[in-house]
Amino acid sequence: MALNMRFRFSPAKDGLVKVLGPLETEIMQLLWQDERSTVKKVHRRLAQQRDIAYTTVMTTMSRLAEKGVLHRHREGLAYIYSPAISEDEFVGMVVRQVLDGLMHDYSDTAIEYMVEYLVRNNPTELKRLQKTIQTKIAA
């Protein structure tokens, strides 16, 4: 899957807004839900919740297509947009990229922190991690 990844990682933000802007996240969530749409339909849905310019939605959707997250093709006079990647695939790709970067530059610190984090916050996941490690070692 070749995405033109130009996303920033903002760890203090929530959910996909960590890597997509708030508007990009809203647009992607609508398209993951609807599977395909036009700028006009997305704008109409977003405008129900807030004041937003049509051109802002159009520019944002075009940029998401340039990044490879949306497909865009013309049908008549309108462009039809559809997700190029599922939400689960996108999340997995982001997690892999973040962890690859951390492991490449700070592997000892990243591993120690992850284990300490799980000890403090989620012992069940720590046990699952332990079982996963044992399974991988045995293979």
Protein backbone atom coordinates (compact mmCIF):
# COMPACT_ATOMS: atom_id res chain seq x y z
CA MET A 1 0.00 0.00 0.00
CA ALA A 2 1.71 3.16 -1.17
CA LEU A 3 0.50 6.16 0.75
CA ASN A 4 2.16 9.51 0.33
CA MET A 5 2.45 9.88 4.10
CA ARG A 6 2.70 13.50 5.08
CA PHE A 7 1.11 13.30 8.48
CA ARG A 8 2.28 14.86 11.71
CA PHE A 9 2.08 12.96 14.97
CA SER A 10 0.64 15.01 17.84
CA PRO A 11 0.60 12.69 20.87
CA ALA A 12 -1.39 15.09 23.07
CA LYS A 13 -4.43 14.99 20.79
CA ASP A 14 -7.16 12.35 20.87
CA GLY A 15 -7.75 9.51 18.43
CA LEU A 16 -6.99 9.99 14.75
CA VAL A 17 -6.54 13.72 15.32
CA LYS A 18 -3.07 12.64 16.50
CA VAL A 19 -2.13 12.17 12.82
CA LEU A 20 -4.91 13.84 10.86
CA GLY A 21 -6.22 17.31 11.52
CA PRO A 22 -9.68 17.64 13.07
CA LEU A 23 -11.34 18.31 9.70
CA GLU A 24 -9.40 15.53 7.96
CA THR A 25 -10.50 13.15 10.71
CA GLU A 26 -14.16 14.15 10.36
CA ILE A 27 -14.04 13.76 6.60
CA MET A 28 -12.34 10.37 6.78
CA GLN A 29 -14.84 9.13 9.37
CA LEU A 30 -17.71 10.15 7.07
CA LEU A 31 -16.12 8.41 4.10
CA TRP A 32 -15.26 5.27 6.07
CA GLN A 33 -18.92 5.20 7.09
CA ASP A 34 -20.43 6.01 3.67
CA GLU A 35 -17.73 4.31 1.52
CA ARG A 36 -18.03 6.96 -1.21
CA SER A 37 -19.20 10.53 -1.48
CA THR A 38 -18.83 13.89 -3.18
CA VAL A 39 -17.50 17.14 -1.75
CA LYS A 40 -21.04 18.50 -1.91
CA LYS A 41 -22.47 15.69 0.25
CA VAL A 42 -19.61 15.83 2.76
CA HIS A 43 -19.91 19.62 2.98
CA ARG A 44 -23.67 19.35 3.53
CA ARG A 45 -23.16 16.93 6.44
CA LEU A 46 -20.39 18.98 8.04
CA ALA A 47 -22.35 22.23 7.61
CA GLN A 48 -25.13 20.78 9.76
CA GLN A 49 -22.75 20.87 12.72
CA ARG A 50 -20.73 24.05 12.04
CA ASP A 51 -20.09 26.92 9.68
CA ILE A 52 -17.64 25.66 7.06
CA ALA A 53 -16.86 26.80 3.53
CA TYR A 54 -17.40 24.43 0.61
CA THR A 55 -13.91 25.30 -0.68
CA THR A 56 -12.37 24.29 2.66
CA VAL A 57 -13.95 20.84 2.40
CA MET A 58 -12.94 20.56 -1.27
CA THR A 59 -9.31 21.51 -0.53
CA THR A 60 -9.10 19.13 2.43
CA MET A 61 -10.52 16.21 0.43
CA SER A 62 -8.12 16.96 -2.44
CA ARG A 63 -5.20 16.92 -0.01
CA LEU A 64 -6.36 13.60 1.46
CA ALA A 65 -6.39 12.22 -2.09
CA GLU A 66 -2.87 13.57 -2.69
CA LYS A 67 -1.75 11.84 0.52
CA GLY A 68 -3.17 8.59 -0.83
CA VAL A 69 -5.83 8.15 1.85
CA LEU A 70 -8.71 8.82 -0.55
CA HIS A 71 -9.30 7.71 -4.13
CA ARG A 72 -10.82 10.29 -6.44
CA HIS A 73 -12.43 9.76 -9.81
CA ARG A 74 -14.72 11.84 -11.96
CA GLU A 75 -18.33 10.88 -12.59
CA GLY A 76 -19.97 13.45 -14.79
CA LEU A 77 -19.20 16.87 -13.37
CA ALA A 78 -18.36 15.72 -9.84
CA TYR A 79 -15.47 13.91 -8.28
CA ILE A 80 -16.38 10.82 -6.29
CA TYR A 81 -14.17 10.16 -3.28
CA SER A 82 -13.73 6.82 -1.56
CA PRO A 83 -11.32 5.56 1.09
CA ALA A 84 -8.09 4.12 -0.29
CA ILE A 85 -7.52 2.37 3.02
CA SER A 86 -9.84 1.11 5.76
CA GLU A 87 -9.83 2.77 9.15
CA ASP A 88 -8.29 -0.34 10.74
CA GLU A 89 -5.55 -0.46 8.08
CA PHE A 90 -4.86 3.25 8.56
CA VAL A 91 -4.59 2.89 12.35
CA GLY A 92 -2.32 -0.14 11.94
CA MET A 93 -0.08 1.72 9.51
CA VAL A 94 0.21 4.72 11.85
CA VAL A 95 0.98 2.51 14.87
CA ARG A 96 3.66 0.66 12.89
CA GLN A 97 5.27 3.90 11.72
CA VAL A 98 5.28 5.44 15.20
CA LEU A 99 6.65 2.26 16.82
CA ASP A 100 9.22 1.76 14.04
CA GLY A 101 10.49 5.29 14.68
CA LEU A 102 10.59 4.83 18.45
CA MET A 103 12.24 1.42 18.23
CA HIS A 104 14.81 2.66 15.72
CA ASP A 105 15.85 5.65 17.83
CA TYR A 106 14.97 4.69 21.42
CA SER A 107 14.37 0.94 21.62
CA ASP A 108 15.49 0.42 25.25
CA THR A 109 13.50 3.37 26.57
CA ALA A 110 10.43 2.53 24.45
CA ILE A 111 10.33 -1.10 25.59
CA GLU A 112 10.91 -0.26 29.26
CA TYR A 113 8.23 2.43 29.17
CA MET A 114 5.70 0.16 27.44
CA VAL A 115 6.17 -2.55 30.06
CA GLU A 116 5.97 -0.06 32.95
CA TYR A 117 2.90 1.53 31.40
CA LEU A 118 1.17 -1.85 31.15
CA VAL A 119 2.15 -2.76 34.73
CA ARG A 120 0.55 0.46 36.01
CA ASN A 121 -2.43 0.78 33.69
CA ASN A 122 -3.35 -2.55 32.13
CA PRO A 123 -1.97 -5.75 33.70
CA THR A 124 -4.30 -7.84 31.50
CA GLU A 125 -2.61 -6.49 28.37
CA LEU A 126 0.78 -7.13 29.97
CA LYS A 127 -0.17 -10.81 30.38
CA ARG A 128 -1.33 -10.88 26.76
CA LEU A 129 1.99 -9.35 25.67
CA GLN A 130 3.85 -11.97 27.70
CA LYS A 131 1.89 -14.79 26.01
CA THR A 132 2.53 -13.25 22.59
CA ILE A 133 6.26 -13.06 23.30
CA GLN A 134 6.34 -16.69 24.50
CA THR A 135 4.46 -17.82 21.37
CA LYS A 136 6.89 -15.95 19.09
CA ILE A 137 9.93 -17.37 20.91
CA ALA A 138 8.56 -20.91 20.65
CA ALA A 139 7.89 -20.58 16.90
